[in-house]
Amino acid sequence: MATFTTQVSPLATGTFAMGVGGILLLLSAYKSLFKDIKKLRNRPLLLLTGGLSIAVYPLAFYTSMHWSGVAIGTVISIASAPFFSFY
């Protein structure tokens, strides 16, 4: 997607991808989400941490692609995921 948006900020590209992806995820997980709403409400800190992590990742990913190029940015993004997924 970023190949087609060379004149657009990487943050704008990440925000668009996050928005469209979020809507598609909501539509596909609608039944499960409302079935597990009590579990989500019982763990607000975990829900907040997960939401922030998911919100930051596309912004950081597209920015790393812009700054360092696709090859290096992808390697760093993929290699850093296990480091940050400690829970």
PDB file of N, CA and C in Angstrom:
ATOM      1  N   MET A   1       0.817  -1.178   0.000  1.00  0.00           N
ATOM      2  CA  MET A   1       0.000   0.000   0.000  1.00  0.00           C
ATOM      3  C   MET A   1       0.871   1.255   0.000  1.00  0.00           C
ATOM      4  N   ALA A   2       1.945   1.233   0.732  1.00  0.00           N
ATOM      5  CA  ALA A   2       2.783   2.416   0.829  1.00  0.00           C
ATOM      6  C   ALA A   2       3.451   2.761  -0.504  1.00  0.00           C
ATOM      7  N   THR A   3       3.578   1.784  -1.390  1.00  0.00           N
ATOM      8  CA  THR A   3       4.163   2.043  -2.698  1.00  0.00           C
ATOM      9  C   THR A   3       3.316   3.029  -3.495  1.00  0.00           C
ATOM     10  N   PHE A   4       2.024   2.980  -3.310  1.00  0.00           N
ATOM     11  CA  PHE A   4       1.111   3.832  -4.058  1.00  0.00           C
ATOM     12  C   PHE A   4       0.878   5.186  -3.391  1.00  0.00           C
ATOM     13  N   THR A   5       1.457   5.394  -2.222  1.00  0.00           N
ATOM     14  CA  THR A   5       1.228   6.642  -1.483  1.00  0.00           C
ATOM     15  C   THR A   5       2.542   7.357  -1.208  1.00  0.00           C
ATOM     16  N   THR A   6       3.354   7.523  -2.225  1.00  0.00           N
ATOM     17  CA  THR A   6       4.667   8.135  -2.028  1.00  0.00           C
ATOM     18  C   THR A   6       4.580   9.612  -1.649  1.00  0.00           C
ATOM     19  N   GLN A   7       3.510  10.286  -1.994  1.00  0.00           N
ATOM     20  CA  GLN A   7       3.354  11.703  -1.683  1.00  0.00           C
ATOM     21  C   GLN A   7       2.634  11.927  -0.343  1.00  0.00           C
ATOM     22  N   VAL A   8       2.331  10.857   0.363  1.00  0.00           N
ATOM     23  CA  VAL A   8       1.576  10.945   1.610  1.00  0.00           C
ATOM     24  C   VAL A   8       2.497  10.589   2.773  1.00  0.00           C
ATOM     25  N   SER A   9       2.297  11.227   3.904  1.00  0.00           N
ATOM     26  CA  SER A   9       3.077  10.957   5.111  1.00  0.00           C
ATOM     27  C   SER A   9       2.916   9.495   5.539  1.00  0.00           C
ATOM     28  N   PRO A  10       3.995   8.875   6.052  1.00  0.00           N
ATOM     29  CA  PRO A  10       3.869   7.495   6.527  1.00  0.00           C
ATOM     30  C   PRO A  10       2.888   7.382   7.698  1.00  0.00           C
ATOM     31  N   LEU A  11       2.756   8.441   8.490  1.00  0.00           N
ATOM     32  CA  LEU A  11       1.785   8.414   9.582  1.00  0.00           C
ATOM     33  C   LEU A  11       0.354   8.404   9.043  1.00  0.00           C
ATOM     34  N   ALA A  12       0.120   9.134   7.969  1.00  0.00           N
ATOM     35  CA  ALA A  12      -1.208   9.128   7.346  1.00  0.00           C
ATOM     36  C   ALA A  12      -1.508   7.762   6.737  1.00  0.00           C
ATOM     37  N   THR A  13      -0.512   7.139   6.121  1.00  0.00           N
ATOM     38  CA  THR A  13      -0.693   5.804   5.551  1.00  0.00           C
ATOM     39  C   THR A  13      -1.001   4.798   6.653  1.00  0.00           C
ATOM     40  N   GLY A  14      -0.255   4.856   7.753  1.00  0.00           N
ATOM     41  CA  GLY A  14      -0.498   3.953   8.881  1.00  0.00           C
ATOM     42  C   GLY A  14      -1.853   4.178   9.508  1.00  0.00           C
ATOM     43  N   THR A  15      -2.271   5.429   9.620  1.00  0.00           N
ATOM     44  CA  THR A  15      -3.575   5.748  10.193  1.00  0.00           C
ATOM     45  C   THR A  15      -4.696   5.209   9.314  1.00  0.00           C
ATOM     46  N   PHE A  16      -4.552   5.376   8.013  1.00  0.00           N
ATOM     47  CA  PHE A  16      -5.557   4.849   7.083  1.00  0.00           C
ATOM     48  C   PHE A  16      -5.630   3.322   7.168  1.00  0.00           C
ATOM     49  N   ALA A  17      -4.469   2.671   7.171  1.00  0.00           N
ATOM     50  CA  ALA A  17      -4.440   1.209   7.256  1.00  0.00           C
ATOM     51  C   ALA A  17      -5.051   0.730   8.571  1.00  0.00           C
ATOM     52  N   MET A  18      -4.760   1.441   9.658  1.00  0.00           N
ATOM     53  CA  MET A  18      -5.308   1.080  10.958  1.00  0.00           C
ATOM     54  C   MET A  18      -6.826   1.274  10.973  1.00  0.00           C
ATOM     55  N   GLY A  19      -7.300   2.348  10.395  1.00  0.00           N
ATOM     56  CA  GLY A  19      -8.739   2.606  10.373  1.00  0.00           C
ATOM     57  C   GLY A  19      -9.501   1.585   9.555  1.00  0.00           C
ATOM     58  N   VAL A  20      -9.047   1.325   8.358  1.00  0.00           N
ATOM     59  CA  VAL A  20      -9.714   0.343   7.493  1.00  0.00           C
ATOM     60  C   VAL A  20      -9.598  -1.053   8.102  1.00  0.00           C
ATOM     61  N   GLY A  21      -8.415  -1.394   8.588  1.00  0.00           N
ATOM     62  CA  GLY A  21      -8.223  -2.696   9.223  1.00  0.00           C
ATOM     63  C   GLY A  21      -9.079  -2.859  10.465  1.00  0.00           C
ATOM     64  N   GLY A  22      -9.212  -1.795  11.249  1.00  0.00           N
ATOM     65  CA  GLY A  22     -10.039  -1.846  12.449  1.00  0.00           C
ATOM     66  C   GLY A  22     -11.502  -2.067  12.133  1.00  0.00           C
ATOM     67  N   ILE A  23     -11.988  -1.404  11.115  1.00  0.00           N
ATOM     68  CA  ILE A  23     -13.387  -1.582  10.710  1.00  0.00           C
ATOM     69  C   ILE A  23     -13.617  -3.007  10.209  1.00  0.00           C
ATOM     70  N   LEU A  24     -12.705  -3.514   9.387  1.00  0.00           N
ATOM     71  CA  LEU A  24     -12.853  -4.884   8.891  1.00  0.00           C
ATOM     72  C   LEU A  24     -12.763  -5.902  10.024  1.00  0.00           C
ATOM     73  N   LEU A  25     -11.879  -5.668  10.983  1.00  0.00           N
ATOM     74  CA  LEU A  25     -11.768  -6.568  12.133  1.00  0.00           C
ATOM     75  C   LEU A  25     -13.039  -6.539  12.972  1.00  0.00           C
ATOM     76  N   LEU A  26     -13.595  -5.360  13.192  1.00  0.00           N
ATOM     77  CA  LEU A  26     -14.841  -5.240  13.946  1.00  0.00           C
ATOM     78  C   LEU A  26     -15.975  -5.988  13.256  1.00  0.00           C
ATOM     79  N   LEU A  27     -16.066  -5.841  11.946  1.00  0.00           N
ATOM     80  CA  LEU A  27     -17.134  -6.527  11.205  1.00  0.00           C
ATOM     81  C   LEU A  27     -16.969  -8.049  11.243  1.00  0.00           C
ATOM     82  N   SER A  28     -15.735  -8.522  11.183  1.00  0.00           N
ATOM     83  CA  SER A  28     -15.520  -9.968  11.157  1.00  0.00           C
ATOM     84  C   SER A  28     -15.598 -10.606  12.542  1.00  0.00           C
ATOM     85  N   ALA A  29     -15.368  -9.841  13.594  1.00  0.00           N
ATOM     86  CA  ALA A  29     -15.363 -10.396  14.957  1.00  0.00           C
ATOM     87  C   ALA A  29     -16.542  -9.895  15.781  1.00  0.00           C
ATOM     88  N   TYR A  30     -17.559  -9.395  15.145  1.00  0.00           N
ATOM     89  CA  TYR A  30     -18.705  -8.774  15.825  1.00  0.00           C
ATOM     90  C   TYR A  30     -19.335  -9.696  16.867  1.00  0.00           C
ATOM     91  N   LYS A  31     -19.644 -10.934  16.503  1.00  0.00           N
ATOM     92  CA  LYS A  31     -20.304 -11.855  17.431  1.00  0.00           C
ATOM     93  C   LYS A  31     -19.399 -12.214  18.603  1.00  0.00           C
ATOM     94  N   SER A  32     -18.144 -12.519  18.322  1.00  0.00           N
ATOM     95  CA  SER A  32     -17.213 -12.885  19.386  1.00  0.00           C
ATOM     96  C   SER A  32     -16.952 -11.721  20.329  1.00  0.00           C
ATOM     97  N   LEU A  33     -16.884 -10.537  19.796  1.00  0.00           N
ATOM     98  CA  LEU A  33     -16.614  -9.356  20.609  1.00  0.00           C
ATOM     99  C   LEU A  33     -17.711  -9.133  21.636  1.00  0.00           C
ATOM    100  N   PHE A  34     -18.942  -9.197  21.217  1.00  0.00           N
ATOM    101  CA  PHE A  34     -20.041  -8.976  22.149  1.00  0.00           C
ATOM    102  C   PHE A  34     -20.276 -10.169  23.071  1.00  0.00           C
ATOM    103  N   LYS A  35     -19.869 -11.350  22.635  1.00  0.00           N
ATOM    104  CA  LYS A  35     -19.964 -12.529  23.504  1.00  0.00           C
ATOM    105  C   LYS A  35     -18.970 -12.428  24.664  1.00  0.00           C
ATOM    106  N   ASP A  36     -17.805 -11.843  24.405  1.00  0.00           N
ATOM    107  CA  ASP A  36     -16.745 -11.749  25.408  1.00  0.00           C
ATOM    108  C   ASP A  36     -16.631 -10.370  26.045  1.00  0.00           C
ATOM    109  N   ILE A  37     -17.650  -9.550  25.968  1.00  0.00           N
ATOM    110  CA  ILE A  37     -17.584  -8.181  26.487  1.00  0.00           C
ATOM    111  C   ILE A  37     -17.319  -8.155  27.991  1.00  0.00           C
ATOM    112  N   LYS A  38     -17.837  -9.122  28.732  1.00  0.00           N
ATOM    113  CA  LYS A  38     -17.602  -9.165  30.181  1.00  0.00           C
ATOM    114  C   LYS A  38     -16.131  -9.438  30.488  1.00  0.00           C
ATOM    115  N   LYS A  39     -15.516 -10.315  29.719  1.00  0.00           N
ATOM    116  CA  LYS A  39     -14.092 -10.606  29.914  1.00  0.00           C
ATOM    117  C   LYS A  39     -13.250  -9.360  29.634  1.00  0.00           C
ATOM    118  N   LEU A  40     -13.614  -8.610  28.607  1.00  0.00           N
ATOM    119  CA  LEU A  40     -12.878  -7.399  28.264  1.00  0.00           C
ATOM    120  C   LEU A  40     -13.014  -6.341  29.356  1.00  0.00           C
ATOM    121  N   ARG A  41     -14.196  -6.209  29.918  1.00  0.00           N
ATOM    122  CA  ARG A  41     -14.419  -5.221  30.973  1.00  0.00           C
ATOM    123  C   ARG A  41     -13.709  -5.590  32.273  1.00  0.00           C
ATOM    124  N   ASN A  42     -13.462  -6.866  32.495  1.00  0.00           N
ATOM    125  CA  ASN A  42     -12.776  -7.300  33.713  1.00  0.00           C
ATOM    126  C   ASN A  42     -11.266  -7.074  33.656  1.00  0.00           C
ATOM    127  N   ARG A  43     -10.720  -6.829  32.484  1.00  0.00           N
ATOM    128  CA  ARG A  43      -9.269  -6.631  32.314  1.00  0.00           C
ATOM    129  C   ARG A  43      -8.997  -5.323  31.582  1.00  0.00           C
ATOM    130  N   PRO A  44      -9.357  -4.170  32.169  1.00  0.00           N
ATOM    131  CA  PRO A  44      -9.222  -2.902  31.440  1.00  0.00           C
ATOM    132  C   PRO A  44      -7.773  -2.528  31.115  1.00  0.00           C
ATOM    133  N   LEU A  45      -6.841  -2.824  32.007  1.00  0.00           N
ATOM    134  CA  LEU A  45      -5.439  -2.478  31.741  1.00  0.00           C
ATOM    135  C   LEU A  45      -4.887  -3.287  30.575  1.00  0.00           C
ATOM    136  N   LEU A  46      -5.221  -4.560  30.555  1.00  0.00           N
ATOM    137  CA  LEU A  46      -4.780  -5.407  29.443  1.00  0.00           C
ATOM    138  C   LEU A  46      -5.409  -4.960  28.130  1.00  0.00           C
ATOM    139  N   LEU A  47      -6.681  -4.588  28.166  1.00  0.00           N
ATOM    140  CA  LEU A  47      -7.368  -4.091  26.974  1.00  0.00           C
ATOM    141  C   LEU A  47      -6.739  -2.790  26.482  1.00  0.00           C
ATOM    142  N   LEU A  48      -6.432  -1.884  27.397  1.00  0.00           N
ATOM    143  CA  LEU A  48      -5.807  -0.620  27.032  1.00  0.00           C
ATOM    144  C   LEU A  48      -4.405  -0.831  26.452  1.00  0.00           C
ATOM    145  N   THR A  49      -3.627  -1.688  27.099  1.00  0.00           N
ATOM    146  CA  THR A  49      -2.277  -1.968  26.611  1.00  0.00           C
ATOM    147  C   THR A  49      -2.312  -2.596  25.217  1.00  0.00           C
ATOM    148  N   GLY A  50      -3.211  -3.544  25.014  1.00  0.00           N
ATOM    149  CA  GLY A  50      -3.347  -4.175  23.701  1.00  0.00           C
ATOM    150  C   GLY A  50      -3.793  -3.187  22.638  1.00  0.00           C
ATOM    151  N   GLY A  51      -4.758  -2.333  22.996  1.00  0.00           N
ATOM    152  CA  GLY A  51      -5.236  -1.337  22.044  1.00  0.00           C
ATOM    153  C   GLY A  51      -4.161  -0.337  21.655  1.00  0.00           C
ATOM    154  N   LEU A  52      -3.397   0.119  22.636  1.00  0.00           N
ATOM    155  CA  LEU A  52      -2.308   1.057  22.337  1.00  0.00           C
ATOM    156  C   LEU A  52      -1.227   0.402  21.480  1.00  0.00           C
ATOM    157  N   SER A  53      -0.917  -0.843  21.773  1.00  0.00           N
ATOM    158  CA  SER A  53       0.098  -1.554  20.983  1.00  0.00           C
ATOM    159  C   SER A  53      -0.339  -1.710  19.533  1.00  0.00           C
ATOM    160  N   ILE A  54      -1.592  -2.065  19.348  1.00  0.00           N
ATOM    161  CA  ILE A  54      -2.107  -2.239  17.986  1.00  0.00           C
ATOM    162  C   ILE A  54      -2.189  -0.894  17.261  1.00  0.00           C
ATOM    163  N   ALA A  55      -2.454   0.176  18.004  1.00  0.00           N
ATOM    164  CA  ALA A  55      -2.524   1.504  17.387  1.00  0.00           C
ATOM    165  C   ALA A  55      -1.148   2.028  16.999  1.00  0.00           C
ATOM    166  N   VAL A  56      -0.142   1.733  17.786  1.00  0.00           N
ATOM    167  CA  VAL A  56       1.210   2.251  17.526  1.00  0.00           C
ATOM    168  C   VAL A  56       1.913   1.482  16.412  1.00  0.00           C
ATOM    169  N   TYR A  57       1.656   0.185  16.307  1.00  0.00           N
ATOM    170  CA  TYR A  57       2.412  -0.639  15.369  1.00  0.00           C
ATOM    171  C   TYR A  57       2.345  -0.156  13.918  1.00  0.00           C
ATOM    172  N   PRO A  58       1.163   0.086  13.313  1.00  0.00           N
ATOM    173  CA  PRO A  58       1.172   0.521  11.910  1.00  0.00           C
ATOM    174  C   PRO A  58       1.853   1.869  11.716  1.00  0.00           C
ATOM    175  N   LEU A  59       1.718   2.747  12.697  1.00  0.00           N
ATOM    176  CA  LEU A  59       2.385   4.052  12.588  1.00  0.00           C
ATOM    177  C   LEU A  59       3.901   3.875  12.588  1.00  0.00           C
ATOM    178  N   ALA A  60       4.398   3.040  13.486  1.00  0.00           N
ATOM    179  CA  ALA A  60       5.839   2.787  13.550  1.00  0.00           C
ATOM    180  C   ALA A  60       6.314   2.012  12.326  1.00  0.00           C
ATOM    181  N   PHE A  61       5.513   1.064  11.847  1.00  0.00           N
ATOM    182  CA  PHE A  61       5.911   0.248  10.698  1.00  0.00           C
ATOM    183  C   PHE A  61       6.088   1.101   9.443  1.00  0.00           C
ATOM    184  N   TYR A  62       5.084   1.918   9.115  1.00  0.00           N
ATOM    185  CA  TYR A  62       5.188   2.724   7.897  1.00  0.00           C
ATOM    186  C   TYR A  62       6.248   3.818   8.028  1.00  0.00           C
ATOM    187  N   THR A  63       6.463   4.324   9.226  1.00  0.00           N
ATOM    188  CA  THR A  63       7.527   5.301   9.426  1.00  0.00           C
ATOM    189  C   THR A  63       8.887   4.648   9.235  1.00  0.00           C
ATOM    190  N   SER A  64       9.060   3.424   9.731  1.00  0.00           N
ATOM    191  CA  SER A  64      10.346   2.730   9.539  1.00  0.00           C
ATOM    192  C   SER A  64      10.596   2.424   8.069  1.00  0.00           C
ATOM    193  N   MET A  65       9.527   2.119   7.322  1.00  0.00           N
ATOM    194  CA  MET A  65       9.684   1.902   5.881  1.00  0.00           C
ATOM    195  C   MET A  65      10.151   3.172   5.188  1.00  0.00           C
ATOM    196  N   HIS A  66       9.599   4.293   5.616  1.00  0.00           N
ATOM    197  CA  HIS A  66       9.945   5.575   5.008  1.00  0.00           C
ATOM    198  C   HIS A  66      11.384   5.973   5.336  1.00  0.00           C
ATOM    199  N   TRP A  67      11.787   5.766   6.574  1.00  0.00           N
ATOM    200  CA  TRP A  67      13.120   6.200   7.009  1.00  0.00           C
ATOM    201  C   TRP A  67      14.242   5.296   6.505  1.00  0.00           C
ATOM    202  N   SER A  68      14.036   3.983   6.532  1.00  0.00           N
ATOM    203  CA  SER A  68      15.156   3.086   6.256  1.00  0.00           C
ATOM    204  C   SER A  68      14.999   2.241   5.007  1.00  0.00           C
ATOM    205  N   GLY A  69      13.871   2.277   4.372  1.00  0.00           N
ATOM    206  CA  GLY A  69      13.643   1.441   3.192  1.00  0.00           C
ATOM    207  C   GLY A  69      12.875   0.192   3.567  1.00  0.00           C
ATOM    208  N   VAL A  70      12.360  -0.470   2.555  1.00  0.00           N
ATOM    209  CA  VAL A  70      11.482  -1.605   2.782  1.00  0.00           C
ATOM    210  C   VAL A  70      12.221  -2.794   3.396  1.00  0.00           C
ATOM    211  N   ALA A  71      13.392  -3.135   2.876  1.00  0.00           N
ATOM    212  CA  ALA A  71      14.093  -4.330   3.357  1.00  0.00           C
ATOM    213  C   ALA A  71      14.501  -4.198   4.819  1.00  0.00           C
ATOM    214  N   ILE A  72      15.199  -3.135   5.149  1.00  0.00           N
ATOM    215  CA  ILE A  72      15.672  -2.952   6.522  1.00  0.00           C
ATOM    216  C   ILE A  72      14.490  -2.706   7.458  1.00  0.00           C
ATOM    217  N   GLY A  73      13.538  -1.909   7.053  1.00  0.00           N
ATOM    218  CA  GLY A  73      12.372  -1.629   7.889  1.00  0.00           C
ATOM    219  C   GLY A  73      11.577  -2.878   8.224  1.00  0.00           C
ATOM    220  N   THR A  74      11.394  -3.761   7.232  1.00  0.00           N
ATOM    221  CA  THR A  74      10.658  -4.997   7.471  1.00  0.00           C
ATOM    222  C   THR A  74      11.416  -5.916   8.412  1.00  0.00           C
ATOM    223  N   VAL A  75      12.702  -6.063   8.207  1.00  0.00           N
ATOM    224  CA  VAL A  75      13.503  -6.929   9.080  1.00  0.00           C
ATOM    225  C   VAL A  75      13.455  -6.429  10.521  1.00  0.00           C
ATOM    226  N   ILE A  76      13.616  -5.148  10.717  1.00  0.00           N
ATOM    227  CA  ILE A  76      13.588  -4.596  12.077  1.00  0.00           C
ATOM    228  C   ILE A  76      12.196  -4.746  12.688  1.00  0.00           C
ATOM    229  N   SER A  77      11.171  -4.468  11.924  1.00  0.00           N
ATOM    230  CA  SER A  77       9.802  -4.578  12.448  1.00  0.00           C
ATOM    231  C   SER A  77       9.462  -6.007  12.831  1.00  0.00           C
ATOM    232  N   ILE A  78       9.799  -6.952  11.985  1.00  0.00           N
ATOM    233  CA  ILE A  78       9.486  -8.350  12.267  1.00  0.00           C
ATOM    234  C   ILE A  78      10.369  -8.885  13.388  1.00  0.00           C
ATOM    235  N   ALA A  79      11.642  -8.522  13.385  1.00  0.00           N
ATOM    236  CA  ALA A  79      12.557  -9.023  14.414  1.00  0.00           C
ATOM    237  C   ALA A  79      12.274  -8.432  15.786  1.00  0.00           C
ATOM    238  N   SER A  80      11.719  -7.227  15.854  1.00  0.00           N
ATOM    239  CA  SER A  80      11.450  -6.623  17.152  1.00  0.00           C
ATOM    240  C   SER A  80      10.148  -7.117  17.780  1.00  0.00           C
ATOM    241  N   ALA A  81       9.270  -7.737  17.012  1.00  0.00           N
ATOM    242  CA  ALA A  81       7.983  -8.202  17.545  1.00  0.00           C
ATOM    243  C   ALA A  81       8.153  -9.195  18.694  1.00  0.00           C
ATOM    244  N   PRO A  82       9.004 -10.224  18.597  1.00  0.00           N
ATOM    245  CA  PRO A  82       9.163 -11.138  19.741  1.00  0.00           C
ATOM    246  C   PRO A  82       9.722 -10.442  20.985  1.00  0.00           C
ATOM    247  N   PHE A  83      10.552  -9.447  20.779  1.00  0.00           N
ATOM    248  CA  PHE A  83      11.126  -8.729  21.915  1.00  0.00           C
ATOM    249  C   PHE A  83      10.049  -7.997  22.713  1.00  0.00           C
ATOM    250  N   PHE A  84       9.080  -7.401  22.015  1.00  0.00           N
ATOM    251  CA  PHE A  84       8.046  -6.625  22.678  1.00  0.00           C
ATOM    252  C   PHE A  84       6.838  -7.462  23.111  1.00  0.00           C
ATOM    253  N   SER A  85       6.756  -8.712  22.688  1.00  0.00           N
ATOM    254  CA  SER A  85       5.613  -9.544  23.079  1.00  0.00           C
ATOM    255  C   SER A  85       5.993 -10.421  24.263  1.00  0.00           C
ATOM    256  N   PHE A  86       6.239  -9.816  25.364  1.00  0.00           N
ATOM    257  CA  PHE A  86       6.702 -10.513  26.552  1.00  0.00           C
ATOM    258  C   PHE A  86       5.582 -11.096  27.390  1.00  0.00           C
ATOM    259  N   TYR A  87       4.352 -10.764  27.117  1.00  0.00           N
ATOM    260  CA  TYR A  87       3.251 -11.275  27.934  1.00  0.00           C
ATOM    261  C   TYR A  87       2.599 -12.450  27.288  1.00  0.00           C
TER     262      TYR A  87
END
